[in-house]
């Protein structure tokens, strides 16, 4: 690759290469405060390159390649090169990560204990995690929660937070402008803008936390809190995991331990202020 960038996020190191400079310039700005990989060794490689040589100059389009690929994935326009890099890192984790049980979830920490939030796209988990991370909690991760297979603790993985549509406006009123990446319009999910976690989240990338509460948020509904039984929790979390099946018995044991050790609830909320109040109340009850 003509241009390369490597950085460490919690226990995972990435190398991203690109045929174009622009995507890596945007990525370097977003991940400027992240450390270099330990000993220079990376766990995963992402390559952003044209499918055909002329696509580097003529209507340039970015194909996502790397250690693991999806052969039928459609290329993205060069203007969305940053999104392609983020998607490439997600892909490597989803298909190649075997050291941790991966949950498609957001997570935050307080007093050494972790809150896990998972749900369908649009449920608001990223927005809630981003807001909590600015209001007395430590952001542990947005896209993936990493559950250690050996000790059942959650490992921090604070990549840039992917904000969509209305969530962008919410966070623009909360944090300084220099922590945002460019606005990427016209994506399949609307407008996306990435937010760099704050200094506390980056400084705590080596500090694991014990899971203490699992929430299933749902935005756009009247305020409500509903109990969730352990069988339903287990089922939902298997659906939220990208590597549960491939981990076999180790994945089952890790997930079973998580479900048995954490209270859980489903919460509905009409706005973020209501959601924050619900989260804080349930957190106090779980203490």
Protein backbone atom coordinates (compact mmCIF):
# COMPACT_ATOMS: atom_id res chain seq x y z
CA UNK A 1 0.00 0.00 0.00
CA UNK A 2 1.25 3.48 -0.85
CA UNK A 3 0.04 4.97 2.44
CA UNK A 4 -0.11 3.23 5.84
CA UNK A 5 -1.20 3.96 9.38
CA UNK A 6 -0.99 1.73 12.47
CA UNK A 7 -2.47 2.27 15.94
CA UNK A 8 -3.54 0.39 19.06
CA UNK A 9 -7.12 0.33 20.39
CA UNK A 10 -7.24 -1.40 23.77
CA UNK A 11 -5.96 -4.98 23.27
CA UNK A 12 -6.14 -4.85 19.44
CA UNK A 13 -3.72 -3.27 16.95
CA UNK A 14 -4.67 -2.32 13.39
CA UNK A 15 -2.68 -1.52 10.27
CA UNK A 16 -4.64 0.35 7.60
CA UNK A 17 -3.18 0.78 4.14
CA UNK A 18 -4.63 2.82 1.30
CA UNK A 19 -3.98 3.52 -2.36
CA UNK A 20 -5.08 7.12 -1.65
CA UNK A 21 -3.79 9.57 0.93
CA UNK A 22 -7.12 11.27 1.77
CA UNK A 23 -8.75 8.38 3.70
CA UNK A 24 -5.67 7.93 5.86
CA UNK A 25 -5.36 11.66 6.51
CA UNK A 26 -8.93 11.61 7.87
CA UNK A 27 -8.22 8.45 9.86
CA UNK A 28 -4.95 9.87 11.25
CA UNK A 29 -6.78 12.97 12.47
CA UNK A 30 -9.49 10.91 14.16
CA UNK A 31 -6.99 8.54 15.83
CA UNK A 32 -4.22 11.07 16.48
CA UNK A 33 -4.14 10.44 20.25
CA UNK A 34 -3.99 6.63 20.01
CA UNK A 35 -0.72 4.80 20.76
CA UNK A 36 1.34 2.92 18.21
CA UNK A 37 1.07 -0.89 18.28
CA UNK A 38 3.10 -2.60 20.96
CA UNK A 39 6.38 -3.86 19.44
CA UNK A 40 5.10 -2.70 16.05
CA UNK A 41 3.02 -5.88 15.65
CA UNK A 42 -0.56 -5.58 14.37
CA UNK A 43 -3.41 -8.03 14.88
CA UNK A 44 -5.30 -7.09 11.73
CA UNK A 45 -4.63 -5.39 8.41
CA UNK A 46 -7.14 -3.40 6.35
CA UNK A 47 -6.44 -2.44 2.74
CA UNK A 48 -8.33 0.26 0.86
CA UNK A 49 -7.69 -0.20 -2.84
CA UNK A 50 -9.37 -0.02 -6.24
CA UNK A 51 -10.90 -3.17 -7.70
CA UNK A 52 -9.39 -2.21 -11.07
CA UNK A 53 -6.20 -0.14 -11.57
CA UNK A 54 -8.00 2.68 -13.40
CA UNK A 55 -10.48 3.04 -10.53
CA UNK A 56 -7.74 4.75 -8.61
CA UNK A 57 -8.13 7.81 -10.87
CA UNK A 58 -11.33 7.41 -12.92
CA UNK A 59 -14.43 7.66 -10.70
CA UNK A 60 -12.28 6.37 -7.82
CA UNK A 61 -13.99 3.77 -5.67
CA UNK A 62 -12.68 2.11 -2.52
CA UNK A 63 -12.85 -1.65 -2.11
CA UNK A 64 -12.39 -2.97 1.42
CA UNK A 65 -9.79 -5.73 1.57
CA UNK A 66 -7.58 -7.11 4.31
CA UNK A 67 -6.89 -10.25 6.31
CA UNK A 68 -10.60 -11.08 6.06
CA UNK A 69 -12.91 -10.01 3.25
CA UNK A 70 -16.50 -10.21 2.06
CA UNK A 71 -16.15 -11.07 -1.64
CA UNK A 72 -19.48 -9.55 -2.68
CA UNK A 73 -19.10 -6.26 -0.79
CA UNK A 74 -19.70 -3.22 -3.00
CA UNK A 75 -16.98 -0.54 -3.16
CA UNK A 76 -17.59 2.91 -1.68
CA UNK A 77 -16.89 6.29 -3.30
CA UNK A 78 -13.53 7.78 -2.39
CA UNK A 79 -15.34 10.56 -0.50
CA UNK A 80 -16.39 7.82 1.97
CA UNK A 81 -12.87 6.46 2.38
CA UNK A 82 -12.93 7.09 6.14
CA UNK A 83 -16.14 5.07 6.41
CA UNK A 84 -14.50 2.30 4.38
CA UNK A 85 -11.58 2.20 6.83
CA UNK A 86 -13.94 1.97 9.81
CA UNK A 87 -15.98 -0.74 8.09
CA UNK A 88 -12.77 -2.60 7.30
CA UNK A 89 -11.76 -2.64 10.96
CA UNK A 90 -15.22 -3.85 11.93
CA UNK A 91 -14.95 -6.63 9.36
CA UNK A 92 -11.58 -7.84 10.64
CA UNK A 93 -12.91 -7.98 14.19
CA UNK A 94 -16.18 -9.68 13.24
CA UNK A 95 -14.54 -12.40 11.14
CA UNK A 96 -11.14 -12.79 12.76
CA UNK A 97 -11.33 -12.07 16.47
CA UNK A 98 -10.90 -15.23 18.56
CA UNK A 99 -9.43 -13.88 21.81
CA UNK A 100 -12.69 -12.35 23.07
CA UNK A 101 -16.41 -12.93 22.79
CA UNK A 102 -17.62 -10.04 20.65
CA UNK A 103 -20.95 -8.38 21.33
CA UNK A 104 -22.37 -5.76 19.00
CA UNK A 105 -22.87 -3.35 21.87
CA UNK A 106 -21.81 -0.09 23.47
CA UNK A 107 -20.26 -0.08 26.91
CA UNK A 108 -19.27 2.40 29.61
CA UNK A 109 -17.61 2.05 33.02
CA UNK A 110 -18.00 3.60 36.45
CA UNK A 111 -16.22 2.59 39.67
CA UNK A 112 -14.69 -0.47 38.02
CA UNK A 113 -18.03 -1.84 36.85
CA UNK A 114 -19.30 -1.92 33.28
CA UNK A 115 -22.68 -1.20 31.71
CA UNK A 116 -23.41 -2.99 28.41
CA UNK A 117 -26.05 -1.65 26.01
CA UNK A 118 -27.17 -3.56 22.95
CA UNK A 119 -30.06 -3.43 20.51
CA UNK A 120 -31.04 -3.06 16.90
CA UNK A 121 -29.62 -0.32 14.69
CA UNK A 122 -31.25 2.97 15.65
CA UNK A 123 -31.94 1.92 19.23
CA UNK A 124 -29.69 4.72 20.47
CA UNK A 125 -26.93 2.72 22.16
CA UNK A 126 -24.10 4.71 20.54
CA UNK A 127 -25.67 8.04 21.47
CA UNK A 128 -26.25 6.96 25.05
CA UNK A 129 -22.70 5.65 25.41
CA UNK A 130 -21.28 8.86 23.93
CA UNK A 131 -23.37 11.03 26.27
CA UNK A 132 -22.56 8.97 29.35
CA UNK A 133 -18.88 9.11 28.40
CA UNK A 134 -19.06 12.90 28.72
CA UNK A 135 -21.07 12.85 31.96
CA UNK A 136 -19.06 11.03 34.56
CA UNK A 137 -18.65 7.61 32.94
CA UNK A 138 -15.69 6.19 31.00
CA UNK A 139 -16.47 5.11 27.46
CA UNK A 140 -15.24 1.55 26.87
CA UNK A 141 -16.53 1.02 23.35
CA UNK A 142 -19.18 1.74 20.76
CA UNK A 143 -19.21 -0.90 18.02
CA UNK A 144 -18.02 -3.93 19.98
CA UNK A 145 -17.91 -5.00 23.61
CA UNK A 146 -15.01 -7.41 24.22
CA UNK A 147 -15.69 -10.06 26.86
CA UNK A 148 -12.56 -11.81 28.08
CA UNK A 149 -12.92 -15.58 27.71
CA UNK A 150 -10.70 -16.27 30.74
CA UNK A 151 -11.94 -13.96 33.49
CA UNK A 152 -15.30 -12.68 32.20
CA UNK A 153 -14.23 -9.05 32.40
CA UNK A 154 -14.90 -6.45 29.72
CA UNK A 155 -11.86 -5.11 27.89
CA UNK A 156 -11.91 -1.50 26.63
CA UNK A 157 -12.13 -1.00 22.87
CA UNK A 158 -12.80 2.74 22.47
CA UNK A 159 -12.68 3.22 18.71
CA UNK A 160 -14.19 6.35 17.20
CA UNK A 161 -17.93 6.52 17.89
CA UNK A 162 -20.11 6.27 14.79
CA UNK A 163 -22.91 8.85 15.14
CA UNK A 164 -25.81 8.92 12.72
CA UNK A 165 -28.29 11.61 11.71
CA UNK A 166 -29.95 13.21 14.75
CA UNK A 167 -27.32 11.81 17.13
CA UNK A 168 -24.75 14.04 15.43
CA UNK A 169 -26.61 17.19 16.46
CA UNK A 170 -26.98 15.91 20.00
CA UNK A 171 -23.24 15.38 20.42
CA UNK A 172 -22.23 18.53 18.55
CA UNK A 173 -23.86 20.40 21.40
CA UNK A 174 -21.94 18.36 23.95
CA UNK A 175 -18.27 18.21 22.85
CA UNK A 176 -15.62 20.33 21.13
CA UNK A 177 -15.64 20.48 17.33
CA UNK A 178 -12.05 19.25 16.97
CA UNK A 179 -13.01 15.78 18.18
CA UNK A 180 -15.30 15.17 15.19
CA UNK A 181 -14.41 13.65 11.86
CA UNK A 182 -15.97 14.91 8.61
CA UNK A 183 -19.70 14.53 7.98
CA UNK A 184 -20.26 11.67 5.52
CA UNK A 185 -23.55 12.21 3.73
CA UNK A 186 -25.49 9.84 1.51
CA UNK A 187 -24.45 6.60 3.20
CA UNK A 188 -26.92 3.69 3.42
CA UNK A 189 -27.63 4.84 7.00
CA UNK A 190 -27.92 8.54 6.19
CA UNK A 191 -25.35 11.02 7.48
CA UNK A 192 -22.53 9.58 9.59
CA UNK A 193 -19.98 11.50 11.61
CA UNK A 194 -17.32 9.91 13.81
CA UNK A 195 -16.43 11.22 17.25
CA UNK A 196 -13.07 10.64 18.93
CA UNK A 197 -13.49 9.47 22.56
CA UNK A 198 -12.24 11.82 25.24
CA UNK A 199 -8.87 11.68 26.98
CA UNK A 200 -10.20 9.67 29.92
CA UNK A 201 -11.41 6.90 27.61
CA UNK A 202 -8.06 6.74 25.82
CA UNK A 203 -6.06 6.81 29.05
CA UNK A 204 -8.10 3.89 30.39
CA UNK A 205 -7.67 1.58 27.41
CA UNK A 206 -5.77 -0.90 29.56
CA UNK A 207 -8.30 -1.00 32.41
CA UNK A 208 -10.81 -3.86 32.25
CA UNK A 209 -14.11 -3.78 34.17
CA UNK A 210 -16.52 -6.30 35.62
CA UNK A 211 -19.90 -6.36 33.79
CA UNK A 212 -22.59 -5.17 36.20
CA UNK A 213 -25.69 -4.34 34.12
CA UNK A 214 -27.06 -5.16 30.65
CA UNK A 215 -29.60 -2.84 29.04
CA UNK A 216 -31.60 -3.18 25.83
CA UNK A 217 -32.51 0.43 24.91
CA UNK A 218 -35.13 1.42 22.35
CA UNK A 219 -35.46 5.03 21.20
CA UNK A 220 -38.69 6.72 20.10
CA UNK A 221 -41.13 5.04 22.47
CA UNK A 222 -42.92 6.17 25.63
CA UNK A 223 -40.85 5.78 28.79
CA UNK A 224 -40.92 2.22 30.08
CA UNK A 225 -38.76 -0.33 31.87
CA UNK A 226 -39.36 -4.04 31.37
CA UNK A 227 -37.64 -7.01 33.00
CA UNK A 228 -35.87 -9.47 30.71
CA UNK A 229 -35.52 -13.13 31.66
CA UNK A 230 -32.19 -14.91 31.45
CA UNK A 231 -33.27 -17.14 28.56
CA UNK A 232 -34.23 -14.10 26.50
CA UNK A 233 -31.02 -12.29 27.46
CA UNK A 234 -28.94 -15.26 26.34
CA UNK A 235 -30.81 -15.48 23.04
CA UNK A 236 -30.50 -11.75 22.34
CA UNK A 237 -26.79 -11.74 23.09
CA UNK A 238 -26.07 -14.74 20.86
CA UNK A 239 -27.78 -12.78 18.09
CA UNK A 240 -25.67 -9.73 18.97
CA UNK A 241 -22.40 -11.68 18.82
CA UNK A 242 -20.42 -12.04 15.61
CA UNK A 243 -18.18 -14.86 16.83
CA UNK A 244 -20.24 -16.79 19.40
CA UNK A 245 -20.63 -19.84 17.15
CA UNK A 246 -16.99 -19.95 16.06
CA UNK A 247 -15.75 -19.85 19.67
CA UNK A 248 -17.63 -23.04 20.55
CA UNK A 249 -17.65 -24.07 24.20
CA UNK A 250 -15.50 -21.11 25.25
CA UNK A 251 -18.08 -18.71 23.82
CA UNK A 252 -20.95 -20.53 25.52
CA UNK A 253 -19.22 -20.51 28.91
CA UNK A 254 -18.32 -16.82 28.65
CA UNK A 255 -21.83 -15.80 27.63
CA UNK A 256 -23.48 -18.00 30.25
CA UNK A 257 -21.31 -16.45 32.95
CA UNK A 258 -22.17 -12.94 31.75
CA UNK A 259 -25.92 -13.61 31.76
CA UNK A 260 -25.86 -15.30 35.17
CA UNK A 261 -23.84 -12.50 36.76
CA UNK A 262 -25.66 -9.40 35.48
CA UNK A 263 -29.10 -7.95 36.08
CA UNK A 264 -30.80 -6.74 32.90
CA UNK A 265 -33.69 -4.63 31.65
CA UNK A 266 -35.21 -3.32 28.44
CA UNK A 267 -35.79 0.42 28.43
CA UNK A 268 -37.92 2.54 26.10
CA UNK A 269 -37.39 6.29 25.96
CA UNK A 270 -38.64 9.27 23.93
CA UNK A 271 -35.51 11.45 24.33
CA UNK A 272 -31.96 11.31 25.60
CA UNK A 273 -32.62 13.14 28.88
CA UNK A 274 -35.18 10.49 29.82
CA UNK A 275 -32.75 7.74 28.81
CA UNK A 276 -29.93 9.13 30.97
CA UNK A 277 -32.26 9.31 33.98
CA UNK A 278 -33.38 5.71 33.44
CA UNK A 279 -29.82 4.48 33.08
CA UNK A 280 -28.67 6.23 36.24
CA UNK A 281 -31.65 4.92 38.23
CA UNK A 282 -31.14 1.33 37.08
CA UNK A 283 -27.42 1.61 37.75
CA UNK A 284 -28.06 2.65 41.35
CA UNK A 285 -30.44 -0.28 41.79
CA UNK A 286 -27.84 -2.71 40.43
CA UNK A 287 -25.13 -1.50 42.84
